[in-house]
Amino acid sequence: MDSVRGHSGIHMLLAAEQQAQEIISSARNLKTSRLKQAKDEEEREAAAYRAALEEDYRRNVSEASGSSGGNVKRLEEETRIKIQRLQDAFSSCRADVVGMLLKHVTTV
């Protein structure tokens, strides 16, 4: 009888070990599927964030390039005013500078 109990005990241990292995395998599979699900979700979120940033960038570029015509006109006007000021300054000092140069050239 002891041998029957011994075999029965061994069979119970083997069955318990196999059941434990099945539980562990099931837990590993569940963990793997959860990790894959988390990775997929992260990739979707990253793609959505990237798309939002790209859209924001495109909008900013289109706004900046749309107003570049106005910027060009404003810069051209500023440049024209600065050139006019330089020409006025040149005209007002021209006679004095020519006189000073003639004086220094003719004075020995």
N, C-alpha and C. Protein backbone atom coordinates (compact mmCIF):
# COMPACT_ATOMS: atom_id res chain seq x y z
N MET A 1 0.78 -1.18 0.00
CA MET A 1 0.00 0.00 0.00
C MET A 1 0.83 1.26 0.00
N ASP A 2 1.95 1.15 0.70
CA ASP A 2 2.81 2.32 0.74
C ASP A 2 3.32 2.68 -0.66
N SER A 3 3.55 1.65 -1.46
CA SER A 3 4.03 1.94 -2.81
C SER A 3 2.94 2.59 -3.64
N VAL A 4 1.68 2.22 -3.41
CA VAL A 4 0.57 2.82 -4.13
C VAL A 4 0.43 4.28 -3.69
N ARG A 5 0.56 4.53 -2.41
CA ARG A 5 0.49 5.90 -1.92
C ARG A 5 1.66 6.72 -2.45
N GLY A 6 2.83 6.10 -2.51
CA GLY A 6 4.01 6.78 -3.04
C GLY A 6 3.82 7.17 -4.48
N HIS A 7 3.30 6.22 -5.28
CA HIS A 7 3.05 6.51 -6.70
C HIS A 7 1.95 7.55 -6.83
N SER A 8 0.96 7.47 -6.01
CA SER A 8 -0.13 8.43 -6.04
C SER A 8 0.37 9.81 -5.68
N GLY A 9 1.27 9.87 -4.67
CA GLY A 9 1.86 11.16 -4.27
C GLY A 9 2.72 11.75 -5.38
N ILE A 10 3.48 10.89 -6.05
CA ILE A 10 4.33 11.34 -7.16
C ILE A 10 3.46 11.86 -8.31
N HIS A 11 2.40 11.13 -8.60
CA HIS A 11 1.49 11.57 -9.66
C HIS A 11 0.85 12.91 -9.31
N MET A 12 0.52 13.09 -8.04
CA MET A 12 -0.06 14.37 -7.61
C MET A 12 0.96 15.49 -7.76
N LEU A 13 2.20 15.21 -7.38
CA LEU A 13 3.26 16.22 -7.52
C LEU A 13 3.50 16.55 -8.98
N LEU A 14 3.53 15.54 -9.82
CA LEU A 14 3.73 15.78 -11.25
C LEU A 14 2.57 16.58 -11.83
N ALA A 15 1.37 16.26 -11.42
CA ALA A 15 0.20 16.99 -11.91
C ALA A 15 0.24 18.44 -11.43
N ALA A 16 0.64 18.64 -10.17
CA ALA A 16 0.74 20.00 -9.62
C ALA A 16 1.83 20.78 -10.35
N GLU A 17 2.95 20.10 -10.64
CA GLU A 17 4.05 20.77 -11.37
C GLU A 17 3.60 21.15 -12.78
N GLN A 18 2.88 20.25 -13.43
CA GLN A 18 2.41 20.55 -14.78
C GLN A 18 1.39 21.69 -14.73
N GLN A 19 0.53 21.70 -13.74
CA GLN A 19 -0.45 22.78 -13.59
C GLN A 19 0.28 24.10 -13.35
N ALA A 20 1.34 24.09 -12.52
CA ALA A 20 2.12 25.29 -12.26
C ALA A 20 2.79 25.78 -13.54
N GLN A 21 3.32 24.85 -14.34
CA GLN A 21 3.95 25.24 -15.60
C GLN A 21 2.93 25.86 -16.56
N GLU A 22 1.72 25.33 -16.58
CA GLU A 22 0.67 25.90 -17.42
C GLU A 22 0.29 27.31 -16.96
N ILE A 23 0.22 27.51 -15.65
CA ILE A 23 -0.09 28.84 -15.11
C ILE A 23 1.02 29.82 -15.47
N ILE A 24 2.27 29.38 -15.31
CA ILE A 24 3.41 30.24 -15.64
C ILE A 24 3.41 30.56 -17.13
N SER A 25 3.17 29.56 -17.96
CA SER A 25 3.13 29.77 -19.41
C SER A 25 2.01 30.73 -19.78
N SER A 26 0.88 30.56 -19.15
CA SER A 26 -0.25 31.46 -19.41
C SER A 26 0.10 32.88 -19.00
N ALA A 27 0.74 33.04 -17.85
CA ALA A 27 1.14 34.38 -17.37
C ALA A 27 2.16 35.00 -18.32
N ARG A 28 3.10 34.21 -18.81
CA ARG A 28 4.09 34.74 -19.76
C ARG A 28 3.43 35.19 -21.06
N ASN A 29 2.49 34.38 -21.54
CA ASN A 29 1.78 34.75 -22.77
C ASN A 29 0.98 36.04 -22.57
N LEU A 30 0.34 36.15 -21.41
CA LEU A 30 -0.43 37.35 -21.10
C LEU A 30 0.49 38.57 -21.02
N LYS A 31 1.64 38.40 -20.37
CA LYS A 31 2.62 39.49 -20.25
C LYS A 31 3.11 39.90 -21.64
N THR A 32 3.42 38.93 -22.48
CA THR A 32 3.89 39.23 -23.83
C THR A 32 2.83 39.97 -24.63
N SER A 33 1.57 39.54 -24.52
CA SER A 33 0.52 40.22 -25.27
C SER A 33 0.30 41.63 -24.74
N ARG A 34 0.40 41.82 -23.43
CA ARG A 34 0.25 43.17 -22.86
C ARG A 34 1.40 44.07 -23.30
N LEU A 35 2.62 43.53 -23.33
CA LEU A 35 3.76 44.33 -23.80
C LEU A 35 3.59 44.72 -25.26
N LYS A 36 3.11 43.77 -26.08
CA LYS A 36 2.88 44.08 -27.49
C LYS A 36 1.79 45.13 -27.64
N GLN A 37 0.74 45.01 -26.85
CA GLN A 37 -0.35 45.99 -26.89
C GLN A 37 0.16 47.37 -26.48
N ALA A 38 0.98 47.43 -25.43
CA ALA A 38 1.54 48.71 -24.98
C ALA A 38 2.45 49.30 -26.05
N LYS A 39 3.24 48.46 -26.71
CA LYS A 39 4.13 48.94 -27.77
C LYS A 39 3.32 49.49 -28.94
N ASP A 40 2.27 48.78 -29.33
CA ASP A 40 1.42 49.25 -30.43
C ASP A 40 0.76 50.58 -30.08
N GLU A 41 0.27 50.68 -28.85
CA GLU A 41 -0.36 51.93 -28.41
C GLU A 41 0.64 53.08 -28.40
N GLU A 42 1.86 52.81 -27.95
CA GLU A 42 2.91 53.85 -27.93
C GLU A 42 3.24 54.30 -29.35
N GLU A 43 3.31 53.35 -30.27
CA GLU A 43 3.61 53.70 -31.67
C GLU A 43 2.49 54.56 -32.26
N ARG A 44 1.23 54.24 -31.94
CA ARG A 44 0.11 55.05 -32.44
C ARG A 44 0.17 56.46 -31.87
N GLU A 45 0.44 56.55 -30.56
CA GLU A 45 0.52 57.87 -29.93
C GLU A 45 1.69 58.68 -30.52
N ALA A 46 2.83 58.03 -30.73
CA ALA A 46 3.98 58.73 -31.29
C ALA A 46 3.68 59.20 -32.71
N ALA A 47 3.01 58.36 -33.49
CA ALA A 47 2.65 58.75 -34.86
C ALA A 47 1.68 59.92 -34.86
N ALA A 48 0.72 59.90 -33.95
CA ALA A 48 -0.24 61.00 -33.87
C ALA A 48 0.46 62.29 -33.44
N TYR A 49 1.36 62.20 -32.48
CA TYR A 49 2.11 63.38 -32.02
C TYR A 49 2.98 63.92 -33.14
N ARG A 50 3.66 63.03 -33.86
CA ARG A 50 4.51 63.44 -34.98
C ARG A 50 3.68 64.13 -36.06
N ALA A 51 2.51 63.57 -36.35
CA ALA A 51 1.64 64.17 -37.36
C ALA A 51 1.17 65.55 -36.92
N ALA A 52 0.86 65.70 -35.63
CA ALA A 52 0.43 67.01 -35.13
C ALA A 52 1.56 68.03 -35.24
N LEU A 53 2.78 67.61 -34.90
CA LEU A 53 3.92 68.53 -35.01
C LEU A 53 4.19 68.90 -36.46
N GLU A 54 4.10 67.92 -37.35
CA GLU A 54 4.33 68.22 -38.77
C GLU A 54 3.27 69.17 -39.31
N GLU A 55 2.03 68.99 -38.90
CA GLU A 55 0.95 69.88 -39.34
C GLU A 55 1.18 71.29 -38.81
N ASP A 56 1.60 71.40 -37.56
CA ASP A 56 1.90 72.71 -36.97
C ASP A 56 3.05 73.38 -37.72
N TYR A 57 4.07 72.59 -38.04
CA TYR A 57 5.21 73.13 -38.79
C TYR A 57 4.78 73.60 -40.18
N ARG A 58 3.99 72.79 -40.87
CA ARG A 58 3.52 73.18 -42.21
C ARG A 58 2.69 74.46 -42.16
N ARG A 59 1.84 74.56 -41.13
CA ARG A 59 1.00 75.76 -40.98
C ARG A 59 1.88 76.98 -40.73
N ASN A 60 2.89 76.83 -39.87
CA ASN A 60 3.79 77.95 -39.59
C ASN A 60 4.58 78.36 -40.84
N VAL A 61 5.01 77.38 -41.61
CA VAL A 61 5.76 77.68 -42.83
C VAL A 61 4.86 78.38 -43.83
N SER A 62 3.63 77.91 -43.98
CA SER A 62 2.73 78.54 -44.94
C SER A 62 2.36 79.96 -44.50
N GLU A 63 2.20 80.18 -43.19
CA GLU A 63 1.92 81.53 -42.71
C GLU A 63 3.11 82.45 -42.95
N ALA A 64 4.31 81.93 -42.71
CA ALA A 64 5.51 82.75 -42.87
C ALA A 64 5.76 83.06 -44.35
N SER A 65 5.56 82.06 -45.20
CA SER A 65 5.80 82.30 -46.63
C SER A 65 4.68 83.15 -47.23
N GLY A 66 3.50 83.06 -46.69
CA GLY A 66 2.39 83.88 -47.19
C GLY A 66 2.61 85.35 -46.94
N SER A 67 3.26 85.69 -45.85
CA SER A 67 3.49 87.09 -45.53
C SER A 67 4.85 87.57 -46.02
N SER A 68 5.59 86.72 -46.71
CA SER A 68 6.92 87.13 -47.17
C SER A 68 6.83 88.24 -48.21
N GLY A 69 5.75 88.28 -48.99
CA GLY A 69 5.56 89.36 -49.96
C GLY A 69 5.47 90.70 -49.26
N GLY A 70 4.75 90.73 -48.15
CA GLY A 70 4.66 91.96 -47.35
C GLY A 70 6.00 92.32 -46.74
N ASN A 71 6.74 91.31 -46.31
CA ASN A 71 8.06 91.57 -45.74
C ASN A 71 9.01 92.13 -46.78
N VAL A 72 8.94 91.61 -47.99
CA VAL A 72 9.80 92.09 -49.07
C VAL A 72 9.49 93.55 -49.37
N LYS A 73 8.23 93.89 -49.46
CA LYS A 73 7.85 95.28 -49.74
C LYS A 73 8.31 96.21 -48.62
N ARG A 74 8.13 95.76 -47.37
CA ARG A 74 8.56 96.58 -46.23
C ARG A 74 10.07 96.78 -46.25
N LEU A 75 10.82 95.72 -46.52
CA LEU A 75 12.28 95.83 -46.58
C LEU A 75 12.73 96.71 -47.74
N GLU A 76 12.07 96.60 -48.87
CA GLU A 76 12.42 97.45 -50.01
C GLU A 76 12.19 98.92 -49.68
N GLU A 77 11.09 99.22 -49.00
CA GLU A 77 10.78 100.60 -48.62
C GLU A 77 11.82 101.12 -47.62
N GLU A 78 12.17 100.30 -46.63
CA GLU A 78 13.19 100.71 -45.66
C GLU A 78 14.53 100.96 -46.35
N THR A 79 14.88 100.10 -47.28
CA THR A 79 16.14 100.26 -48.01
C THR A 79 16.12 101.53 -48.85
N ARG A 80 15.01 101.79 -49.51
CA ARG A 80 14.90 103.00 -50.32
C ARG A 80 15.06 104.25 -49.46
N ILE A 81 14.45 104.26 -48.26
CA ILE A 81 14.56 105.41 -47.36
C ILE A 81 16.01 105.59 -46.90
N LYS A 82 16.69 104.49 -46.57
CA LYS A 82 18.08 104.60 -46.13
C LYS A 82 18.98 105.11 -47.24
N ILE A 83 18.74 104.65 -48.47
CA ILE A 83 19.53 105.13 -49.61
C ILE A 83 19.30 106.61 -49.81
N GLN A 84 18.06 107.04 -49.71
CA GLN A 84 17.74 108.46 -49.87
C GLN A 84 18.44 109.29 -48.80
N ARG A 85 18.46 108.82 -47.55
CA ARG A 85 19.15 109.55 -46.48
C ARG A 85 20.65 109.66 -46.76
N LEU A 86 21.25 108.56 -47.24
CA LEU A 86 22.68 108.60 -47.56
C LEU A 86 22.96 109.57 -48.72
N GLN A 87 22.10 109.58 -49.72
CA GLN A 87 22.29 110.51 -50.83
C GLN A 87 22.13 111.96 -50.37
N ASP A 88 21.17 112.21 -49.48
CA ASP A 88 21.00 113.56 -48.95
C ASP A 88 22.23 113.99 -48.15
N ALA A 89 22.75 113.08 -47.32
CA ALA A 89 23.94 113.39 -46.53
C ALA A 89 25.13 113.64 -47.46
N PHE A 90 25.26 112.85 -48.51
CA PHE A 90 26.34 113.04 -49.47
C PHE A 90 26.22 114.39 -50.15
N SER A 91 25.01 114.73 -50.57
CA SER A 91 24.80 116.01 -51.27
C SER A 91 25.11 117.20 -50.37
N SER A 92 24.75 117.12 -49.10
CA SER A 92 24.98 118.27 -48.20
C SER A 92 26.45 118.43 -47.85
N CYS A 93 27.22 117.35 -47.85
CA CYS A 93 28.63 117.44 -47.48
C CYS A 93 29.55 117.51 -48.69
N ARG A 94 29.04 117.34 -49.88
CA ARG A 94 29.87 117.24 -51.08
C ARG A 94 30.67 118.52 -51.31
N ALA A 95 30.03 119.66 -51.25
CA ALA A 95 30.73 120.91 -51.53
C ALA A 95 31.83 121.14 -50.50
N ASP A 96 31.57 120.89 -49.23
CA ASP A 96 32.59 121.08 -48.19
C ASP A 96 33.77 120.15 -48.40
N VAL A 97 33.52 118.91 -48.74
CA VAL A 97 34.60 117.93 -48.91
C VAL A 97 35.44 118.29 -50.14
N VAL A 98 34.80 118.70 -51.23
CA VAL A 98 35.56 119.08 -52.44
C VAL A 98 36.41 120.30 -52.14
N GLY A 99 35.85 121.27 -51.43
CA GLY A 99 36.63 122.46 -51.07
C GLY A 99 37.82 122.10 -50.19
N MET A 100 37.64 121.22 -49.22
CA MET A 100 38.71 120.82 -48.34
C MET A 100 39.79 120.07 -49.10
N LEU A 101 39.38 119.19 -50.03
CA LEU A 101 40.37 118.46 -50.83
C LEU A 101 41.17 119.42 -51.72
N LEU A 102 40.52 120.40 -52.36
CA LEU A 102 41.23 121.36 -53.20
C LEU A 102 42.20 122.19 -52.36
N LYS A 103 41.79 122.57 -51.18
CA LYS A 103 42.64 123.36 -50.31
C LYS A 103 43.90 122.60 -49.94
N HIS A 104 43.77 121.31 -49.57
CA HIS A 104 44.92 120.50 -49.18
C HIS A 104 45.81 120.16 -50.36
N VAL A 105 45.25 120.01 -51.55
CA VAL A 105 46.03 119.69 -52.73
C VAL A 105 46.82 120.92 -53.19
N THR A 106 46.22 122.08 -53.12
CA THR A 106 46.89 123.28 -53.62
C THR A 106 47.82 123.91 -52.59
N THR A 107 47.69 123.57 -51.32
CA THR A 107 48.55 124.11 -50.30
C THR A 107 49.82 123.28 -50.24
N VAL A 108 50.98 124.02 -50.32
CA VAL A 108 52.25 123.31 -50.30
C VAL A 108 52.94 123.50 -48.98
